[in-house]
Amino acid sequence: MFSNSDGEYLVKLARNTIKTYLEKKQIAFDNSNPKFLERRGIFVTLETNPKKELRGCMGYTLPTKSLNIGTSESALNAAFFDSRFPPLKPNEFDKILIEVSILTPLQPFNAKRIEYLNLVQIGKDGLYIQKDEISAVILPQIAKQEKWTSEEFLCQISYKAGLSPDAWLDKSTHLFKFQSQNFTESAPNGKVVPTS
């Protein structure tokens, strides 16, 4: 478990990384804090304020990066390289909310496919799907925000990967769940609070 101060550090790291790139077109990675050298899955989400509309979300599902580096890279990718949105402009910087999600390791489902419906907990679990070279991820908070049932969640993760909605029932499809700790700004560059 990560403390509120840990979450605050990572959210501020994400904001400072974006700010440095906007002001100097430089990428500054800080791997000096030994507390954040652990490799974890990490996502950074940007939302508009006050409407809380998605403005960018990128990250790493697998623990391939240290929390320091993963947070900075995810922040840059969410702000400037999320293909769903244009790159963040300087006049938007003080209007966005930043959320950091720290992921647990992926957990395979050890059950029959139809039993997955009872094993997905909305608001607690995120999903990662993989088939051949295709993969997709949906964070736990998204299913809660959308008020999906477990079946809708399983269909949505399949659809997001470009597969048929019932692809999660296919034995050649690999499905995993995970949990996350989320920390977000209560206002742009404001107090950082844990969120579910």
N, C-alpha and C. Protein backbone atom coordinates (compact mmCIF):
# COMPACT_ATOMS: atom_id res chain seq x y z
N MET A 1 0.84 -1.20 0.00
CA MET A 1 0.00 0.00 0.00
C MET A 1 0.88 1.26 0.00
N PHE A 2 0.45 2.22 -0.77
CA PHE A 2 1.18 3.48 -0.84
C PHE A 2 0.45 4.53 -0.01
N SER A 3 1.21 5.38 0.66
CA SER A 3 0.64 6.39 1.54
C SER A 3 0.16 7.59 0.73
N ASN A 4 -0.60 8.46 1.38
CA ASN A 4 -1.05 9.68 0.72
C ASN A 4 0.13 10.54 0.27
N SER A 5 1.19 10.56 1.07
CA SER A 5 2.37 11.35 0.69
C SER A 5 3.07 10.74 -0.53
N ASP A 6 3.03 9.42 -0.63
CA ASP A 6 3.58 8.76 -1.83
C ASP A 6 2.79 9.19 -3.06
N GLY A 7 1.47 9.15 -2.93
CA GLY A 7 0.61 9.55 -4.04
C GLY A 7 0.83 11.00 -4.43
N GLU A 8 0.98 11.84 -3.42
CA GLU A 8 1.22 13.26 -3.68
C GLU A 8 2.53 13.46 -4.44
N TYR A 9 3.56 12.72 -4.05
CA TYR A 9 4.85 12.82 -4.73
C TYR A 9 4.71 12.46 -6.21
N LEU A 10 4.01 11.36 -6.50
CA LEU A 10 3.90 10.90 -7.88
C LEU A 10 3.04 11.84 -8.73
N VAL A 11 1.96 12.37 -8.16
CA VAL A 11 1.12 13.31 -8.91
C VAL A 11 1.91 14.59 -9.21
N LYS A 12 2.65 15.08 -8.23
CA LYS A 12 3.46 16.28 -8.45
C LYS A 12 4.58 16.01 -9.47
N LEU A 13 5.13 14.79 -9.43
CA LEU A 13 6.14 14.41 -10.42
C LEU A 13 5.54 14.45 -11.82
N ALA A 14 4.33 13.92 -11.96
CA ALA A 14 3.65 13.94 -13.26
C ALA A 14 3.45 15.38 -13.74
N ARG A 15 2.97 16.26 -12.85
CA ARG A 15 2.71 17.65 -13.23
C ARG A 15 4.02 18.37 -13.59
N ASN A 16 5.05 18.16 -12.80
CA ASN A 16 6.33 18.83 -13.07
C ASN A 16 6.95 18.36 -14.38
N THR A 17 6.76 17.07 -14.70
CA THR A 17 7.28 16.54 -15.96
C THR A 17 6.61 17.22 -17.15
N ILE A 18 5.28 17.36 -17.07
CA ILE A 18 4.53 18.02 -18.14
C ILE A 18 4.94 19.49 -18.24
N LYS A 19 5.06 20.15 -17.11
CA LYS A 19 5.43 21.57 -17.10
C LYS A 19 6.80 21.80 -17.73
N THR A 20 7.77 20.96 -17.38
CA THR A 20 9.12 21.10 -17.94
C THR A 20 9.11 20.94 -19.45
N TYR A 21 8.32 19.99 -19.93
CA TYR A 21 8.25 19.76 -21.38
C TYR A 21 7.57 20.94 -22.08
N LEU A 22 6.51 21.48 -21.47
CA LEU A 22 5.82 22.62 -22.06
C LEU A 22 6.72 23.85 -22.13
N GLU A 23 7.48 24.08 -21.07
CA GLU A 23 8.28 25.31 -20.98
C GLU A 23 9.61 25.22 -21.71
N LYS A 24 10.23 24.04 -21.68
CA LYS A 24 11.59 23.93 -22.21
C LYS A 24 11.75 22.90 -23.33
N LYS A 25 10.64 22.18 -23.64
CA LYS A 25 10.71 21.09 -24.61
C LYS A 25 11.79 20.08 -24.23
N GLN A 26 11.97 19.92 -22.92
CA GLN A 26 12.94 18.96 -22.41
C GLN A 26 12.21 17.87 -21.63
N ILE A 27 12.79 16.68 -21.68
CA ILE A 27 12.26 15.56 -20.91
C ILE A 27 13.22 15.31 -19.75
N ALA A 28 12.72 15.55 -18.54
CA ALA A 28 13.56 15.40 -17.35
C ALA A 28 13.04 14.25 -16.50
N PHE A 29 13.80 13.16 -16.48
CA PHE A 29 13.43 12.01 -15.66
C PHE A 29 14.23 12.03 -14.37
N ASP A 30 13.52 11.85 -13.26
CA ASP A 30 14.17 11.84 -11.95
C ASP A 30 14.03 10.45 -11.34
N ASN A 31 15.14 9.73 -11.28
CA ASN A 31 15.12 8.38 -10.70
C ASN A 31 15.92 8.37 -9.40
N SER A 32 16.01 9.54 -8.76
CA SER A 32 16.89 9.66 -7.60
C SER A 32 16.23 9.22 -6.29
N ASN A 33 14.89 9.22 -6.25
CA ASN A 33 14.21 8.85 -5.00
C ASN A 33 14.14 7.33 -4.92
N PRO A 34 14.91 6.70 -4.01
CA PRO A 34 14.97 5.24 -3.97
C PRO A 34 13.64 4.59 -3.60
N LYS A 35 12.77 5.33 -2.98
CA LYS A 35 11.47 4.78 -2.58
C LYS A 35 10.62 4.41 -3.78
N PHE A 36 10.92 5.02 -4.92
CA PHE A 36 10.08 4.83 -6.10
C PHE A 36 10.82 4.13 -7.24
N LEU A 37 11.78 3.29 -6.86
CA LEU A 37 12.49 2.49 -7.86
C LEU A 37 11.79 1.17 -8.15
N GLU A 38 10.79 0.84 -7.33
CA GLU A 38 10.03 -0.41 -7.54
C GLU A 38 9.35 -0.36 -8.90
N ARG A 39 9.37 -1.49 -9.60
CA ARG A 39 8.70 -1.58 -10.89
C ARG A 39 7.23 -1.93 -10.66
N ARG A 40 6.34 -1.10 -11.18
CA ARG A 40 4.90 -1.33 -11.05
C ARG A 40 4.21 -0.86 -12.32
N GLY A 41 3.04 -1.43 -12.56
CA GLY A 41 2.19 -0.87 -13.60
C GLY A 41 1.72 0.51 -13.14
N ILE A 42 1.64 1.46 -14.05
CA ILE A 42 1.31 2.84 -13.67
C ILE A 42 0.56 3.51 -14.82
N PHE A 43 -0.46 4.29 -14.47
CA PHE A 43 -1.18 5.08 -15.47
C PHE A 43 -1.32 6.51 -14.97
N VAL A 44 -1.28 7.45 -15.91
CA VAL A 44 -1.54 8.86 -15.61
C VAL A 44 -2.73 9.29 -16.46
N THR A 45 -3.73 9.86 -15.78
CA THR A 45 -4.95 10.32 -16.44
C THR A 45 -5.07 11.83 -16.30
N LEU A 46 -5.39 12.50 -17.39
CA LEU A 46 -5.63 13.94 -17.37
C LEU A 46 -7.11 14.19 -17.63
N GLU A 47 -7.70 15.08 -16.84
CA GLU A 47 -9.10 15.44 -17.03
C GLU A 47 -9.22 16.96 -17.06
N THR A 48 -10.23 17.44 -17.78
CA THR A 48 -10.51 18.87 -17.78
C THR A 48 -11.17 19.25 -16.46
N ASN A 49 -11.00 20.50 -16.07
CA ASN A 49 -11.63 20.99 -14.85
C ASN A 49 -12.51 22.19 -15.22
N PRO A 50 -13.76 22.27 -14.76
CA PRO A 50 -14.39 21.41 -13.74
C PRO A 50 -15.22 20.28 -14.30
N LYS A 51 -15.28 20.12 -15.62
CA LYS A 51 -16.20 19.13 -16.21
C LYS A 51 -15.74 17.69 -16.03
N LYS A 52 -14.46 17.51 -15.74
CA LYS A 52 -13.88 16.18 -15.56
C LYS A 52 -14.08 15.30 -16.80
N GLU A 53 -13.81 15.88 -17.95
CA GLU A 53 -13.82 15.12 -19.19
C GLU A 53 -12.40 14.63 -19.47
N LEU A 54 -12.29 13.43 -20.00
CA LEU A 54 -10.98 12.85 -20.28
C LEU A 54 -10.20 13.73 -21.25
N ARG A 55 -8.93 13.97 -20.93
CA ARG A 55 -8.05 14.78 -21.78
C ARG A 55 -6.81 14.00 -22.19
N GLY A 56 -6.64 12.81 -21.63
CA GLY A 56 -5.51 11.97 -21.97
C GLY A 56 -5.31 10.90 -20.90
N CYS A 57 -4.93 9.73 -21.32
CA CYS A 57 -4.65 8.65 -20.36
C CYS A 57 -3.71 7.65 -21.01
N MET A 58 -2.54 7.49 -20.40
CA MET A 58 -1.56 6.55 -20.93
C MET A 58 -0.81 5.93 -19.75
N GLY A 59 -0.23 4.76 -20.00
CA GLY A 59 0.53 4.13 -18.93
C GLY A 59 1.06 2.77 -19.31
N TYR A 60 1.46 2.05 -18.30
CA TYR A 60 2.04 0.72 -18.45
C TYR A 60 1.27 -0.26 -17.57
N THR A 61 0.72 -1.29 -18.19
CA THR A 61 0.00 -2.30 -17.43
C THR A 61 0.97 -3.23 -16.72
N LEU A 62 2.04 -3.57 -17.40
CA LEU A 62 3.03 -4.49 -16.84
C LEU A 62 4.10 -3.70 -16.09
N PRO A 63 4.72 -4.30 -15.09
CA PRO A 63 5.73 -3.60 -14.28
C PRO A 63 7.09 -3.53 -14.98
N THR A 64 7.13 -2.81 -16.09
CA THR A 64 8.36 -2.71 -16.87
C THR A 64 9.20 -1.49 -16.52
N LYS A 65 8.62 -0.56 -15.77
CA LYS A 65 9.31 0.69 -15.44
C LYS A 65 9.28 0.92 -13.93
N SER A 66 10.28 1.64 -13.43
CA SER A 66 10.21 2.08 -12.03
C SER A 66 9.07 3.08 -11.91
N LEU A 67 8.56 3.25 -10.70
CA LEU A 67 7.47 4.21 -10.50
C LEU A 67 7.90 5.62 -10.91
N ASN A 68 9.15 5.99 -10.63
CA ASN A 68 9.66 7.31 -11.03
C ASN A 68 9.56 7.51 -12.54
N ILE A 69 10.20 6.61 -13.27
CA ILE A 69 10.27 6.72 -14.73
C ILE A 69 8.91 6.48 -15.35
N GLY A 70 8.19 5.48 -14.88
CA GLY A 70 6.87 5.16 -15.43
C GLY A 70 5.89 6.30 -15.29
N THR A 71 5.94 6.98 -14.14
CA THR A 71 5.04 8.13 -13.93
C THR A 71 5.38 9.26 -14.89
N SER A 72 6.65 9.59 -15.02
CA SER A 72 7.05 10.68 -15.92
C SER A 72 6.72 10.35 -17.38
N GLU A 73 7.03 9.14 -17.81
CA GLU A 73 6.76 8.77 -19.20
C GLU A 73 5.25 8.75 -19.47
N SER A 74 4.49 8.22 -18.52
CA SER A 74 3.04 8.16 -18.70
C SER A 74 2.43 9.55 -18.74
N ALA A 75 2.96 10.46 -17.92
CA ALA A 75 2.47 11.84 -17.92
C ALA A 75 2.72 12.50 -19.28
N LEU A 76 3.92 12.33 -19.80
CA LEU A 76 4.25 12.90 -21.12
C LEU A 76 3.37 12.30 -22.21
N ASN A 77 3.21 10.99 -22.17
CA ASN A 77 2.41 10.33 -23.20
C ASN A 77 0.94 10.74 -23.12
N ALA A 78 0.41 10.88 -21.90
CA ALA A 78 -0.99 11.29 -21.74
C ALA A 78 -1.20 12.71 -22.23
N ALA A 79 -0.23 13.58 -21.96
CA ALA A 79 -0.37 15.00 -22.31
C ALA A 79 -0.12 15.28 -23.78
N PHE A 80 0.80 14.54 -24.39
CA PHE A 80 1.26 14.93 -25.73
C PHE A 80 1.14 13.85 -26.80
N PHE A 81 0.95 12.59 -26.41
CA PHE A 81 1.01 11.52 -27.40
C PHE A 81 -0.16 10.54 -27.34
N ASP A 82 -1.24 10.92 -26.66
CA ASP A 82 -2.46 10.12 -26.69
C ASP A 82 -3.16 10.44 -28.01
N SER A 83 -3.23 9.47 -28.90
CA SER A 83 -3.72 9.72 -30.27
C SER A 83 -5.18 10.16 -30.32
N ARG A 84 -5.90 10.01 -29.22
CA ARG A 84 -7.31 10.42 -29.18
C ARG A 84 -7.47 11.93 -29.02
N PHE A 85 -6.38 12.62 -28.64
CA PHE A 85 -6.47 14.05 -28.33
C PHE A 85 -5.29 14.80 -28.96
N PRO A 86 -5.47 16.10 -29.22
CA PRO A 86 -4.33 16.90 -29.66
C PRO A 86 -3.37 17.11 -28.49
N PRO A 87 -2.11 17.41 -28.77
CA PRO A 87 -1.15 17.65 -27.68
C PRO A 87 -1.63 18.78 -26.76
N LEU A 88 -1.35 18.63 -25.49
CA LEU A 88 -1.75 19.64 -24.51
C LEU A 88 -1.07 20.97 -24.83
N LYS A 89 -1.84 22.05 -24.74
CA LYS A 89 -1.30 23.38 -24.99
C LYS A 89 -0.98 24.07 -23.67
N PRO A 90 -0.03 25.03 -23.68
CA PRO A 90 0.34 25.71 -22.44
C PRO A 90 -0.84 26.32 -21.70
N ASN A 91 -1.82 26.86 -22.43
CA ASN A 91 -2.95 27.50 -21.75
C ASN A 91 -3.92 26.51 -21.11
N GLU A 92 -3.71 25.22 -21.36
CA GLU A 92 -4.54 24.19 -20.73
C GLU A 92 -3.93 23.67 -19.43
N PHE A 93 -2.64 23.91 -19.26
CA PHE A 93 -1.90 23.26 -18.16
C PHE A 93 -2.50 23.54 -16.79
N ASP A 94 -2.91 24.78 -16.55
CA ASP A 94 -3.45 25.15 -15.24
C ASP A 94 -4.93 24.81 -15.10
N LYS A 95 -5.47 24.11 -16.11
CA LYS A 95 -6.90 23.77 -16.07
C LYS A 95 -7.14 22.27 -16.01
N ILE A 96 -6.06 21.48 -16.01
CA ILE A 96 -6.24 20.03 -16.01
C ILE A 96 -6.05 19.45 -14.60
N LEU A 97 -6.76 18.37 -14.36
CA LEU A 97 -6.59 17.57 -13.14
C LEU A 97 -5.74 16.36 -13.50
N ILE A 98 -4.83 15.99 -12.62
CA ILE A 98 -3.94 14.85 -12.87
C ILE A 98 -4.22 13.76 -11.85
N GLU A 99 -4.39 12.54 -12.35
CA GLU A 99 -4.58 11.36 -11.50
C GLU A 99 -3.51 10.33 -11.82
N VAL A 100 -2.96 9.73 -10.79
CA VAL A 100 -1.99 8.65 -10.96
C VAL A 100 -2.60 7.37 -10.38
N SER A 101 -2.53 6.30 -11.16
CA SER A 101 -3.04 4.99 -10.73
C SER A 101 -1.87 4.01 -10.66
N ILE A 102 -1.64 3.45 -9.47
CA ILE A 102 -0.57 2.47 -9.27
C ILE A 102 -1.21 1.08 -9.28
N LEU A 103 -0.78 0.23 -10.19
CA LEU A 103 -1.42 -1.06 -10.40
C LEU A 103 -0.76 -2.19 -9.61
N THR A 104 -1.58 -3.14 -9.20
CA THR A 104 -1.07 -4.39 -8.64
C THR A 104 -0.65 -5.30 -9.80
N PRO A 105 0.11 -6.36 -9.54
CA PRO A 105 0.43 -7.31 -10.61
C PRO A 105 -0.84 -7.93 -11.19
N LEU A 106 -0.77 -8.32 -12.46
CA LEU A 106 -1.91 -8.96 -13.12
C LEU A 106 -2.19 -10.31 -12.49
N GLN A 107 -3.47 -10.62 -12.33
CA GLN A 107 -3.89 -11.88 -11.74
C GLN A 107 -4.75 -12.64 -12.75
N PRO A 108 -4.32 -13.83 -13.18
CA PRO A 108 -5.15 -14.60 -14.11
C PRO A 108 -6.41 -15.13 -13.43
N PHE A 109 -7.44 -15.33 -14.21
CA PHE A 109 -8.67 -15.94 -13.69
C PHE A 109 -8.48 -17.45 -13.67
N ASN A 110 -8.59 -18.04 -12.51
CA ASN A 110 -8.48 -19.49 -12.40
C ASN A 110 -9.87 -20.09 -12.20
N ALA A 111 -10.64 -20.06 -13.28
CA ALA A 111 -12.02 -20.54 -13.21
C ALA A 111 -12.53 -20.77 -14.63
N LYS A 112 -13.69 -21.37 -14.74
CA LYS A 112 -14.33 -21.51 -16.04
C LYS A 112 -14.77 -20.14 -16.53
N ARG A 113 -14.80 -19.97 -17.83
CA ARG A 113 -15.09 -18.66 -18.41
C ARG A 113 -16.39 -18.05 -17.89
N ILE A 114 -17.43 -18.85 -17.82
CA ILE A 114 -18.72 -18.31 -17.40
C ILE A 114 -18.68 -17.82 -15.96
N GLU A 115 -17.74 -18.36 -15.17
CA GLU A 115 -17.63 -17.94 -13.76
C GLU A 115 -16.95 -16.57 -13.61
N TYR A 116 -16.35 -16.09 -14.70
CA TYR A 116 -15.72 -14.76 -14.65
C TYR A 116 -16.72 -13.69 -14.22
N LEU A 117 -17.99 -13.90 -14.58
CA LEU A 117 -19.03 -12.93 -14.25
C LEU A 117 -19.11 -12.68 -12.75
N ASN A 118 -18.83 -13.73 -11.96
CA ASN A 118 -18.92 -13.61 -10.50
C ASN A 118 -17.59 -13.19 -9.87
N LEU A 119 -16.52 -13.19 -10.67
CA LEU A 119 -15.19 -12.91 -10.13
C LEU A 119 -14.73 -11.47 -10.37
N VAL A 120 -15.45 -10.74 -11.22
CA VAL A 120 -15.11 -9.35 -11.49
C VAL A 120 -15.87 -8.46 -10.51
N GLN A 121 -15.15 -7.68 -9.73
CA GLN A 121 -15.76 -6.78 -8.76
C GLN A 121 -15.69 -5.35 -9.30
N ILE A 122 -16.85 -4.81 -9.62
CA ILE A 122 -16.93 -3.45 -10.17
C ILE A 122 -16.45 -2.44 -9.12
N GLY A 123 -15.58 -1.54 -9.54
CA GLY A 123 -15.04 -0.54 -8.64
C GLY A 123 -13.76 -0.97 -7.95
N LYS A 124 -13.50 -2.26 -7.97
CA LYS A 124 -12.27 -2.79 -7.35
C LYS A 124 -11.30 -3.32 -8.39
N ASP A 125 -11.80 -4.04 -9.38
CA ASP A 125 -10.96 -4.69 -10.37
C ASP A 125 -10.88 -3.91 -11.67
N GLY A 126 -9.69 -3.90 -12.25
CA GLY A 126 -9.50 -3.48 -13.62
C GLY A 126 -9.29 -4.73 -14.45
N LEU A 127 -9.37 -4.61 -15.78
CA LEU A 127 -9.21 -5.77 -16.65
C LEU A 127 -8.17 -5.51 -17.73
N TYR A 128 -7.43 -6.58 -18.03
CA TYR A 128 -6.45 -6.56 -19.11
C TYR A 128 -6.72 -7.78 -19.98
N ILE A 129 -6.88 -7.56 -21.29
CA ILE A 129 -7.18 -8.65 -22.21
C ILE A 129 -6.09 -8.74 -23.27
N GLN A 130 -5.79 -9.97 -23.68
CA GLN A 130 -4.75 -10.16 -24.70
C GLN A 130 -5.13 -11.35 -25.57
N LYS A 131 -5.04 -11.14 -26.86
CA LYS A 131 -5.25 -12.22 -27.82
C LYS A 131 -4.31 -12.00 -28.98
N ASP A 132 -3.44 -12.98 -29.22
CA ASP A 132 -2.40 -12.84 -30.23
C ASP A 132 -1.58 -11.58 -29.93
N GLU A 133 -1.53 -10.64 -30.86
CA GLU A 133 -0.75 -9.41 -30.65
C GLU A 133 -1.62 -8.25 -30.17
N ILE A 134 -2.88 -8.51 -29.91
CA ILE A 134 -3.82 -7.46 -29.53
C ILE A 134 -4.00 -7.45 -28.02
N SER A 135 -4.06 -6.26 -27.43
CA SER A 135 -4.32 -6.16 -25.99
C SER A 135 -5.04 -4.85 -25.70
N ALA A 136 -5.66 -4.80 -24.52
CA ALA A 136 -6.34 -3.58 -24.07
C ALA A 136 -6.46 -3.64 -22.56
N VAL A 137 -6.62 -2.46 -21.96
CA VAL A 137 -6.75 -2.37 -20.51
C VAL A 137 -7.84 -1.36 -20.18
N ILE A 138 -8.59 -1.62 -19.11
CA ILE A 138 -9.55 -0.66 -18.56
C ILE A 138 -9.32 -0.60 -17.06
N LEU A 139 -9.09 0.60 -16.55
CA LEU A 139 -8.82 0.80 -15.13
C LEU A 139 -10.09 0.59 -14.29
N PRO A 140 -9.92 0.21 -13.01
CA PRO A 140 -11.08 -0.08 -12.16
C PRO A 140 -12.08 1.07 -12.06
N GLN A 141 -11.60 2.30 -12.00
CA GLN A 141 -12.51 3.43 -11.80
C GLN A 141 -13.43 3.68 -12.99
N ILE A 142 -13.02 3.20 -14.18
CA ILE A 142 -13.85 3.43 -15.37
C ILE A 142 -15.15 2.63 -15.29
N ALA A 143 -15.05 1.36 -14.91
CA ALA A 143 -16.25 0.52 -14.81
C ALA A 143 -17.22 1.08 -13.77
N LYS A 144 -16.66 1.63 -12.70
CA LYS A 144 -17.50 2.22 -11.65
C LYS A 144 -18.18 3.48 -12.16
N GLN A 145 -17.42 4.34 -12.86
CA GLN A 145 -17.99 5.58 -13.40
C GLN A 145 -19.09 5.29 -14.42
N GLU A 146 -18.88 4.26 -15.23
CA GLU A 146 -19.85 3.92 -16.28
C GLU A 146 -21.02 3.09 -15.75
N LYS A 147 -20.91 2.64 -14.50
CA LYS A 147 -21.95 1.83 -13.86
C LYS A 147 -22.25 0.55 -14.64
N TRP A 148 -21.15 -0.08 -15.11
CA TRP A 148 -21.30 -1.32 -15.85
C TRP A 148 -21.58 -2.48 -14.91
N THR A 149 -22.26 -3.48 -15.41
CA THR A 149 -22.33 -4.78 -14.74
C THR A 149 -21.05 -5.51 -15.06
N SER A 150 -20.80 -6.63 -14.39
CA SER A 150 -19.59 -7.40 -14.69
C SER A 150 -19.60 -7.90 -16.13
N GLU A 151 -20.77 -8.28 -16.64
CA GLU A 151 -20.85 -8.75 -18.02
C GLU A 151 -20.57 -7.61 -18.99
N GLU A 152 -21.09 -6.43 -18.72
CA GLU A 152 -20.82 -5.27 -19.58
C GLU A 152 -19.33 -4.93 -19.57
N PHE A 153 -18.71 -5.05 -18.40
CA PHE A 153 -17.28 -4.77 -18.28
C PHE A 153 -16.47 -5.74 -19.14
N LEU A 154 -16.80 -7.02 -19.06
CA LEU A 154 -16.09 -8.03 -19.84
C LEU A 154 -16.30 -7.81 -21.35
N CYS A 155 -17.50 -7.40 -21.72
CA CYS A 155 -17.76 -7.12 -23.13
C CYS A 155 -17.03 -5.86 -23.59
N GLN A 156 -16.97 -4.86 -22.72
CA GLN A 156 -16.31 -3.60 -23.06
C GLN A 156 -14.80 -3.78 -23.24
N ILE A 157 -14.17 -4.59 -22.40
CA ILE A 157 -12.72 -4.81 -22.54
C ILE A 157 -12.44 -5.57 -23.84
N SER A 158 -13.33 -6.47 -24.21
CA SER A 158 -13.19 -7.19 -25.48
C SER A 158 -13.31 -6.22 -26.65
N TYR A 159 -14.33 -5.38 -26.57
CA TYR A 159 -14.59 -4.39 -27.63
C TYR A 159 -13.43 -3.40 -27.77
N LYS A 160 -12.89 -2.97 -26.63
CA LYS A 160 -11.78 -2.01 -26.67
C LYS A 160 -10.57 -2.58 -27.38
N ALA A 161 -10.38 -3.89 -27.27
CA ALA A 161 -9.25 -4.54 -27.94
C ALA A 161 -9.52 -4.78 -29.43
N GLY A 162 -10.72 -4.39 -29.87
CA GLY A 162 -11.06 -4.60 -31.28
C GLY A 162 -11.58 -5.99 -31.56
N LEU A 163 -11.98 -6.69 -30.51
CA LEU A 163 -12.51 -8.04 -30.63
C LEU A 163 -14.02 -8.01 -30.53
N SER A 164 -14.66 -9.13 -30.80
CA SER A 164 -16.11 -9.20 -30.62
C SER A 164 -16.43 -9.11 -29.13
N PRO A 165 -17.59 -8.59 -28.76
CA PRO A 165 -17.92 -8.40 -27.34
C PRO A 165 -17.86 -9.67 -26.49
N ASP A 166 -18.04 -10.82 -27.13
CA ASP A 166 -18.00 -12.08 -26.37
C ASP A 166 -16.64 -12.77 -26.46
N ALA A 167 -15.62 -12.04 -26.88
CA ALA A 167 -14.28 -12.64 -27.03
C ALA A 167 -13.73 -13.14 -25.70
N TRP A 168 -14.18 -12.57 -24.59
CA TRP A 168 -13.70 -13.01 -23.27
C TRP A 168 -14.08 -14.46 -22.98
N LEU A 169 -15.06 -14.99 -23.71
CA LEU A 169 -15.48 -16.39 -23.54
C LEU A 169 -14.61 -17.36 -24.34
N ASP A 170 -13.81 -16.82 -25.26
CA ASP A 170 -12.96 -17.63 -26.12
C ASP A 170 -11.73 -18.11 -25.35
N LYS A 171 -11.46 -19.39 -25.40
CA LYS A 171 -10.33 -19.96 -24.65
C LYS A 171 -8.97 -19.46 -25.15
N SER A 172 -8.92 -18.93 -26.35
CA SER A 172 -7.65 -18.41 -26.87
C SER A 172 -7.41 -16.96 -26.43
N THR A 173 -8.36 -16.39 -25.71
CA THR A 173 -8.23 -15.03 -25.19
C THR A 173 -7.74 -15.10 -23.75
N HIS A 174 -6.70 -14.34 -23.45
CA HIS A 174 -6.15 -14.31 -22.09
C HIS A 174 -6.70 -13.09 -21.36
N LEU A 175 -7.26 -13.33 -20.19
CA LEU A 175 -7.87 -12.25 -19.43
C LEU A 175 -7.30 -12.22 -18.02
N PHE A 176 -6.99 -11.01 -17.56
CA PHE A 176 -6.42 -10.83 -16.22
C PHE A 176 -7.16 -9.70 -15.52
N LYS A 177 -7.13 -9.74 -14.20
CA LYS A 177 -7.66 -8.60 -13.44
C LYS A 177 -6.53 -8.04 -12.57
N PHE A 178 -6.75 -6.83 -12.10
CA PHE A 178 -5.78 -6.16 -11.23
C PHE A 178 -6.53 -5.12 -10.42
N GLN A 179 -5.88 -4.59 -9.41
CA GLN A 179 -6.45 -3.50 -8.63
C GLN A 179 -5.51 -2.29 -8.75
N SER A 180 -5.96 -1.15 -8.29
CA SER A 180 -5.10 0.03 -8.34
C SER A 180 -5.36 0.95 -7.16
N GLN A 181 -4.32 1.67 -6.80
CA GLN A 181 -4.44 2.77 -5.85
C GLN A 181 -4.39 4.05 -6.66
N ASN A 182 -5.36 4.91 -6.46
CA ASN A 182 -5.49 6.11 -7.27
C ASN A 182 -5.33 7.35 -6.41
N PHE A 183 -4.60 8.30 -6.95
CA PHE A 183 -4.40 9.59 -6.27
C PHE A 183 -4.66 10.70 -7.30
N THR A 184 -5.46 11.68 -6.91
CA THR A 184 -5.82 12.73 -7.85
C THR A 184 -5.81 14.10 -7.19
N GLU A 185 -5.68 15.11 -8.01
CA GLU A 185 -5.73 16.49 -7.52
C GLU A 185 -7.19 16.87 -7.28
N SER A 186 -7.46 17.53 -6.16
CA SER A 186 -8.81 18.02 -5.89
C SER A 186 -9.13 19.26 -6.72
N ALA A 187 -8.10 19.93 -7.17
CA ALA A 187 -8.18 21.08 -8.08
C ALA A 187 -6.86 21.11 -8.84
N PRO A 188 -6.80 21.77 -9.99
CA PRO A 188 -5.54 21.81 -10.74
C PRO A 188 -4.39 22.31 -9.86
N ASN A 189 -3.37 21.48 -9.74
CA ASN A 189 -2.19 21.78 -8.91
C ASN A 189 -2.57 21.97 -7.43
N GLY A 190 -3.69 21.37 -7.06
CA GLY A 190 -4.17 21.50 -5.68
C GLY A 190 -3.82 20.30 -4.83
N LYS A 191 -4.53 20.16 -3.72
CA LYS A 191 -4.29 19.06 -2.79
C LYS A 191 -4.51 17.73 -3.47
N VAL A 192 -3.62 16.77 -3.19
CA VAL A 192 -3.73 15.43 -3.76
C VAL A 192 -4.44 14.53 -2.75
N VAL A 193 -5.47 13.82 -3.23
CA VAL A 193 -6.26 12.96 -2.35
C VAL A 193 -6.39 11.56 -2.96
N PRO A 194 -6.50 10.55 -2.11
CA PRO A 194 -6.74 9.20 -2.62
C PRO A 194 -8.17 9.08 -3.14
N THR A 195 -8.36 8.36 -4.22
CA THR A 195 -9.71 8.15 -4.78
C THR A 195 -9.91 6.68 -5.05
N SER A 196 -11.15 6.27 -5.09
CA SER A 196 -11.45 4.86 -5.35
C SER A 196 -11.87 4.67 -6.79
